[in-house]
Amino acid sequence: MRKQKFDEMQHAISLCMKEPHTIVEKWPMRRQFSSSYACSQEEFDLLQSSGHSGSERYVEWKWS
């Protein structure tokens, strides 16, 4: 947030970060564990093939 200067951007265009987020969960790429190994492995493989690194963050904005 500091690197992208969110605080300056918020004042410049009259936006603020929305809390709580409502569009996506906080860590949408986090692996969800299930009771069966096969399902968990399938989910892991799917996440690995998605091209996401897992460190992406989402920010919802609202007009201030």
PDB file of N, CA and C in Angstrom:
ATOM      1  N   MET A   1       0.820  -1.188   0.000  1.00  0.00           N
ATOM      2  CA  MET A   1       0.000   0.000   0.000  1.00  0.00           C
ATOM      3  C   MET A   1       0.864   1.252   0.000  1.00  0.00           C
ATOM      4  N   ARG A   2       1.963   1.196   0.762  1.00  0.00           N
ATOM      5  CA  ARG A   2       2.869   2.354   0.761  1.00  0.00           C
ATOM      6  C   ARG A   2       3.528   2.529  -0.601  1.00  0.00           C
ATOM      7  N   LYS A   3       3.968   1.417  -1.183  1.00  0.00           N
ATOM      8  CA  LYS A   3       4.656   1.469  -2.472  1.00  0.00           C
ATOM      9  C   LYS A   3       3.751   2.060  -3.559  1.00  0.00           C
ATOM     10  N   GLN A   4       2.479   1.727  -3.532  1.00  0.00           N
ATOM     11  CA  GLN A   4       1.536   2.222  -4.533  1.00  0.00           C
ATOM     12  C   GLN A   4       0.902   3.561  -4.143  1.00  0.00           C
ATOM     13  N   LYS A   5       1.281   4.084  -2.966  1.00  0.00           N
ATOM     14  CA  LYS A   5       0.829   5.388  -2.470  1.00  0.00           C
ATOM     15  C   LYS A   5      -0.696   5.479  -2.374  1.00  0.00           C
ATOM     16  N   PHE A   6      -1.278   4.469  -1.736  1.00  0.00           N
ATOM     17  CA  PHE A   6      -2.727   4.453  -1.574  1.00  0.00           C
ATOM     18  C   PHE A   6      -3.232   5.683  -0.826  1.00  0.00           C
ATOM     19  N   ASP A   7      -2.491   6.116   0.199  1.00  0.00           N
ATOM     20  CA  ASP A   7      -2.954   7.267   0.983  1.00  0.00           C
ATOM     21  C   ASP A   7      -3.061   8.523   0.125  1.00  0.00           C
ATOM     22  N   GLU A   8      -2.103   8.759  -0.761  1.00  0.00           N
ATOM     23  CA  GLU A   8      -2.168   9.925  -1.657  1.00  0.00           C
ATOM     24  C   GLU A   8      -3.302   9.780  -2.664  1.00  0.00           C
ATOM     25  N   MET A   9      -3.460   8.575  -3.187  1.00  0.00           N
ATOM     26  CA  MET A   9      -4.507   8.334  -4.170  1.00  0.00           C
ATOM     27  C   MET A   9      -5.891   8.534  -3.553  1.00  0.00           C
ATOM     28  N   GLN A  10      -6.063   8.108  -2.318  1.00  0.00           N
ATOM     29  CA  GLN A  10      -7.353   8.260  -1.655  1.00  0.00           C
ATOM     30  C   GLN A  10      -7.770   9.728  -1.589  1.00  0.00           C
ATOM     31  N   HIS A  11      -6.845  10.591  -1.249  1.00  0.00           N
ATOM     32  CA  HIS A  11      -7.164  12.020  -1.133  1.00  0.00           C
ATOM     33  C   HIS A  11      -7.338  12.667  -2.501  1.00  0.00           C
ATOM     34  N   ALA A  12      -6.569  12.235  -3.470  1.00  0.00           N
ATOM     35  CA  ALA A  12      -6.614  12.848  -4.795  1.00  0.00           C
ATOM     36  C   ALA A  12      -7.938  12.593  -5.514  1.00  0.00           C
ATOM     37  N   ILE A  13      -8.498  11.408  -5.346  1.00  0.00           N
ATOM     38  CA  ILE A  13      -9.727  11.094  -6.081  1.00  0.00           C
ATOM     39  C   ILE A  13     -10.913  10.779  -5.166  1.00  0.00           C
ATOM     40  N   SER A  14     -10.806  11.163  -3.909  1.00  0.00           N
ATOM     41  CA  SER A  14     -11.901  11.041  -2.933  1.00  0.00           C
ATOM     42  C   SER A  14     -12.424   9.617  -2.766  1.00  0.00           C
ATOM     43  N   LEU A  15     -11.507   8.682  -2.599  1.00  0.00           N
ATOM     44  CA  LEU A  15     -11.881   7.300  -2.332  1.00  0.00           C
ATOM     45  C   LEU A  15     -11.297   6.879  -0.996  1.00  0.00           C
ATOM     46  N   CYS A  16     -11.896   5.842  -0.405  1.00  0.00           N
ATOM     47  CA  CYS A  16     -11.310   5.230   0.777  1.00  0.00           C
ATOM     48  C   CYS A  16     -11.531   3.723   0.682  1.00  0.00           C
ATOM     49  N   MET A  17     -10.683   2.981   1.369  1.00  0.00           N
ATOM     50  CA  MET A  17     -10.807   1.531   1.338  1.00  0.00           C
ATOM     51  C   MET A  17     -12.059   1.116   2.092  1.00  0.00           C
ATOM     52  N   LYS A  18     -12.757   0.151   1.541  1.00  0.00           N
ATOM     53  CA  LYS A  18     -13.996  -0.320   2.132  1.00  0.00           C
ATOM     54  C   LYS A  18     -13.696  -1.425   3.134  1.00  0.00           C
ATOM     55  N   GLU A  19     -14.252  -1.317   4.302  1.00  0.00           N
ATOM     56  CA  GLU A  19     -14.151  -2.358   5.327  1.00  0.00           C
ATOM     57  C   GLU A  19     -15.547  -2.689   5.804  1.00  0.00           C
ATOM     58  N   PRO A  20     -15.945  -3.886   5.878  1.00  0.00           N
ATOM     59  CA  PRO A  20     -15.231  -5.084   5.435  1.00  0.00           C
ATOM     60  C   PRO A  20     -15.414  -5.286   3.943  1.00  0.00           C
ATOM     61  N   HIS A  21     -14.522  -6.072   3.357  1.00  0.00           N
ATOM     62  CA  HIS A  21     -14.629  -6.390   1.933  1.00  0.00           C
ATOM     63  C   HIS A  21     -15.846  -7.282   1.712  1.00  0.00           C
ATOM     64  N   THR A  22     -16.531  -7.064   0.616  1.00  0.00           N
ATOM     65  CA  THR A  22     -17.748  -7.840   0.363  1.00  0.00           C
ATOM     66  C   THR A  22     -17.725  -8.605  -0.949  1.00  0.00           C
ATOM     67  N   ILE A  23     -16.780  -8.319  -1.845  1.00  0.00           N
ATOM     68  CA  ILE A  23     -16.775  -8.980  -3.146  1.00  0.00           C
ATOM     69  C   ILE A  23     -16.017 -10.300  -3.097  1.00  0.00           C
ATOM     70  N   VAL A  24     -14.823 -10.302  -2.530  1.00  0.00           N
ATOM     71  CA  VAL A  24     -14.030 -11.528  -2.429  1.00  0.00           C
ATOM     72  C   VAL A  24     -13.587 -11.717  -0.986  1.00  0.00           C
ATOM     73  N   GLU A  25     -13.322 -12.974  -0.612  1.00  0.00           N
ATOM     74  CA  GLU A  25     -12.827 -13.236   0.737  1.00  0.00           C
ATOM     75  C   GLU A  25     -11.415 -12.673   0.894  1.00  0.00           C
ATOM     76  N   LYS A  26     -10.942 -12.573   2.117  1.00  0.00           N
ATOM     77  CA  LYS A  26      -9.685 -11.899   2.389  1.00  0.00           C
ATOM     78  C   LYS A  26      -8.500 -12.529   1.656  1.00  0.00           C
ATOM     79  N   TRP A  27      -8.378 -13.815   1.651  1.00  0.00           N
ATOM     80  CA  TRP A  27      -7.307 -14.517   0.926  1.00  0.00           C
ATOM     81  C   TRP A  27      -7.960 -15.514  -0.030  1.00  0.00           C
ATOM     82  N   PRO A  28      -8.419 -15.052  -1.186  1.00  0.00           N
ATOM     83  CA  PRO A  28      -9.184 -15.937  -2.073  1.00  0.00           C
ATOM     84  C   PRO A  28      -8.387 -17.102  -2.644  1.00  0.00           C
ATOM     85  N   MET A  29      -7.073 -17.014  -2.704  1.00  0.00           N
ATOM     86  CA  MET A  29      -6.271 -18.094  -3.263  1.00  0.00           C
ATOM     87  C   MET A  29      -5.743 -19.050  -2.189  1.00  0.00           C
ATOM     88  N   ARG A  30      -6.144 -18.822  -0.934  1.00  0.00           N
ATOM     89  CA  ARG A  30      -5.701 -19.701   0.149  1.00  0.00           C
ATOM     90  C   ARG A  30      -6.273 -21.097  -0.070  1.00  0.00           C
ATOM     91  N   ARG A  31      -5.465 -22.093   0.179  1.00  0.00           N
ATOM     92  CA  ARG A  31      -5.904 -23.470  -0.013  1.00  0.00           C
ATOM     93  C   ARG A  31      -6.879 -23.853   1.083  1.00  0.00           C
ATOM     94  N   GLN A  32      -8.007 -24.401   0.693  1.00  0.00           N
ATOM     95  CA  GLN A  32      -9.011 -24.885   1.637  1.00  0.00           C
ATOM     96  C   GLN A  32      -8.811 -26.385   1.810  1.00  0.00           C
ATOM     97  N   PHE A  33      -8.584 -26.834   3.028  1.00  0.00           N
ATOM     98  CA  PHE A  33      -8.358 -28.257   3.266  1.00  0.00           C
ATOM     99  C   PHE A  33      -9.684 -28.984   3.380  1.00  0.00           C
ATOM    100  N   SER A  34      -9.718 -30.176   2.827  1.00  0.00           N
ATOM    101  CA  SER A  34     -10.930 -30.989   2.906  1.00  0.00           C
ATOM    102  C   SER A  34     -10.601 -32.319   3.567  1.00  0.00           C
ATOM    103  N   SER A  35     -11.617 -33.103   3.823  1.00  0.00           N
ATOM    104  CA  SER A  35     -11.412 -34.355   4.547  1.00  0.00           C
ATOM    105  C   SER A  35     -10.769 -35.443   3.692  1.00  0.00           C
ATOM    106  N   SER A  36     -10.939 -35.393   2.379  1.00  0.00           N
ATOM    107  CA  SER A  36     -10.349 -36.437   1.531  1.00  0.00           C
ATOM    108  C   SER A  36      -9.088 -35.923   0.843  1.00  0.00           C
ATOM    109  N   TYR A  37      -8.053 -36.727   0.821  1.00  0.00           N
ATOM    110  CA  TYR A  37      -6.778 -36.334   0.222  1.00  0.00           C
ATOM    111  C   TYR A  37      -6.935 -36.044  -1.264  1.00  0.00           C
ATOM    112  N   ALA A  38      -7.692 -36.886  -1.979  1.00  0.00           N
ATOM    113  CA  ALA A  38      -7.843 -36.724  -3.427  1.00  0.00           C
ATOM    114  C   ALA A  38      -8.440 -35.356  -3.766  1.00  0.00           C
ATOM    115  N   CYS A  39      -9.437 -34.961  -3.029  1.00  0.00           N
ATOM    116  CA  CYS A  39     -10.059 -33.660  -3.270  1.00  0.00           C
ATOM    117  C   CYS A  39      -9.064 -32.542  -2.979  1.00  0.00           C
ATOM    118  N   SER A  40      -8.318 -32.650  -1.907  1.00  0.00           N
ATOM    119  CA  SER A  40      -7.336 -31.628  -1.558  1.00  0.00           C
ATOM    120  C   SER A  40      -6.236 -31.547  -2.613  1.00  0.00           C
ATOM    121  N   GLN A  41      -5.775 -32.676  -3.098  1.00  0.00           N
ATOM    122  CA  GLN A  41      -4.732 -32.687  -4.121  1.00  0.00           C
ATOM    123  C   GLN A  41      -5.267 -32.073  -5.415  1.00  0.00           C
ATOM    124  N   GLU A  42      -6.503 -32.379  -5.768  1.00  0.00           N
ATOM    125  CA  GLU A  42      -7.118 -31.815  -6.972  1.00  0.00           C
ATOM    126  C   GLU A  42      -7.227 -30.289  -6.844  1.00  0.00           C
ATOM    127  N   GLU A  43      -7.635 -29.843  -5.675  1.00  0.00           N
ATOM    128  CA  GLU A  43      -7.748 -28.402  -5.450  1.00  0.00           C
ATOM    129  C   GLU A  43      -6.374 -27.735  -5.523  1.00  0.00           C
ATOM    130  N   PHE A  44      -5.364 -28.359  -4.925  1.00  0.00           N
ATOM    131  CA  PHE A  44      -4.001 -27.843  -4.970  1.00  0.00           C
ATOM    132  C   PHE A  44      -3.512 -27.729  -6.408  1.00  0.00           C
ATOM    133  N   ASP A  45      -3.726 -28.773  -7.196  1.00  0.00           N
ATOM    134  CA  ASP A  45      -3.308 -28.768  -8.599  1.00  0.00           C
ATOM    135  C   ASP A  45      -4.009 -27.666  -9.379  1.00  0.00           C
ATOM    136  N   LEU A  46      -5.291 -27.468  -9.110  1.00  0.00           N
ATOM    137  CA  LEU A  46      -6.056 -26.424  -9.779  1.00  0.00           C
ATOM    138  C   LEU A  46      -5.496 -25.037  -9.443  1.00  0.00           C
ATOM    139  N   LEU A  47      -5.199 -24.799  -8.169  1.00  0.00           N
ATOM    140  CA  LEU A  47      -4.639 -23.507  -7.765  1.00  0.00           C
ATOM    141  C   LEU A  47      -3.261 -23.293  -8.385  1.00  0.00           C
ATOM    142  N   GLN A  48      -2.446 -24.338  -8.456  1.00  0.00           N
ATOM    143  CA  GLN A  48      -1.115 -24.218  -9.045  1.00  0.00           C
ATOM    144  C   GLN A  48      -1.182 -23.894 -10.528  1.00  0.00           C
ATOM    145  N   SER A  49      -2.186 -24.393 -11.217  1.00  0.00           N
ATOM    146  CA  SER A  49      -2.303 -24.168 -12.654  1.00  0.00           C
ATOM    147  C   SER A  49      -2.983 -22.848 -13.002  1.00  0.00           C
ATOM    148  N   SER A  50      -3.479 -22.121 -11.999  1.00  0.00           N
ATOM    149  CA  SER A  50      -4.241 -20.899 -12.261  1.00  0.00           C
ATOM    150  C   SER A  50      -3.373 -19.718 -12.684  1.00  0.00           C
ATOM    151  N   GLY A  51      -2.070 -19.765 -12.411  1.00  0.00           N
ATOM    152  CA  GLY A  51      -1.197 -18.650 -12.754  1.00  0.00           C
ATOM    153  C   GLY A  51      -1.089 -17.602 -11.662  1.00  0.00           C
ATOM    154  N   HIS A  52      -1.838 -17.758 -10.589  1.00  0.00           N
ATOM    155  CA  HIS A  52      -1.748 -16.832  -9.456  1.00  0.00           C
ATOM    156  C   HIS A  52      -0.602 -17.256  -8.545  1.00  0.00           C
ATOM    157  N   SER A  53       0.052 -16.286  -7.948  1.00  0.00           N
ATOM    158  CA  SER A  53       1.151 -16.614  -7.046  1.00  0.00           C
ATOM    159  C   SER A  53       0.666 -16.863  -5.628  1.00  0.00           C
ATOM    160  N   GLY A  54      -0.539 -16.418  -5.313  1.00  0.00           N
ATOM    161  CA  GLY A  54      -1.058 -16.557  -3.960  1.00  0.00           C
ATOM    162  C   GLY A  54      -0.792 -15.335  -3.112  1.00  0.00           C
ATOM    163  N   SER A  55      -0.012 -14.393  -3.618  1.00  0.00           N
ATOM    164  CA  SER A  55       0.285 -13.183  -2.841  1.00  0.00           C
ATOM    165  C   SER A  55      -0.527 -11.979  -3.329  1.00  0.00           C
ATOM    166  N   GLU A  56      -1.447 -12.200  -4.258  1.00  0.00           N
ATOM    167  CA  GLU A  56      -2.277 -11.104  -4.748  1.00  0.00           C
ATOM    168  C   GLU A  56      -3.200 -10.622  -3.637  1.00  0.00           C
ATOM    169  N   ARG A  57      -3.476  -9.350  -3.649  1.00  0.00           N
ATOM    170  CA  ARG A  57      -4.404  -8.778  -2.673  1.00  0.00           C
ATOM    171  C   ARG A  57      -5.466  -7.990  -3.415  1.00  0.00           C
ATOM    172  N   TYR A  58      -6.642  -7.981  -2.874  1.00  0.00           N
ATOM    173  CA  TYR A  58      -7.759  -7.260  -3.461  1.00  0.00           C
ATOM    174  C   TYR A  58      -8.162  -6.144  -2.515  1.00  0.00           C
ATOM    175  N   VAL A  59      -8.471  -4.990  -3.079  1.00  0.00           N
ATOM    176  CA  VAL A  59      -8.907  -3.854  -2.275  1.00  0.00           C
ATOM    177  C   VAL A  59     -10.206  -3.342  -2.878  1.00  0.00           C
ATOM    178  N   GLU A  60     -11.202  -3.190  -2.029  1.00  0.00           N
ATOM    179  CA  GLU A  60     -12.447  -2.580  -2.468  1.00  0.00           C
ATOM    180  C   GLU A  60     -12.432  -1.126  -2.046  1.00  0.00           C
ATOM    181  N   TRP A  61     -12.899  -0.268  -2.936  1.00  0.00           N
ATOM    182  CA  TRP A  61     -12.909   1.160  -2.693  1.00  0.00           C
ATOM    183  C   TRP A  61     -14.346   1.666  -2.610  1.00  0.00           C
ATOM    184  N   LYS A  62     -14.536   2.741  -1.903  1.00  0.00           N
ATOM    185  CA  LYS A  62     -15.836   3.414  -1.876  1.00  0.00           C
ATOM    186  C   LYS A  62     -15.591   4.914  -1.911  1.00  0.00           C
ATOM    187  N   TRP A  63     -16.573   5.636  -2.397  1.00  0.00           N
ATOM    188  CA  TRP A  63     -16.457   7.101  -2.435  1.00  0.00           C
ATOM    189  C   TRP A  63     -16.504   7.635  -1.022  1.00  0.00           C
ATOM    190  N   SER A  64     -15.618   8.563  -0.725  1.00  0.00           N
ATOM    191  CA  SER A  64     -15.597   9.131   0.637  1.00  0.00           C
ATOM    192  C   SER A  64     -16.392  10.412   0.693  1.00  0.00           C
TER     193      SER A  64
END
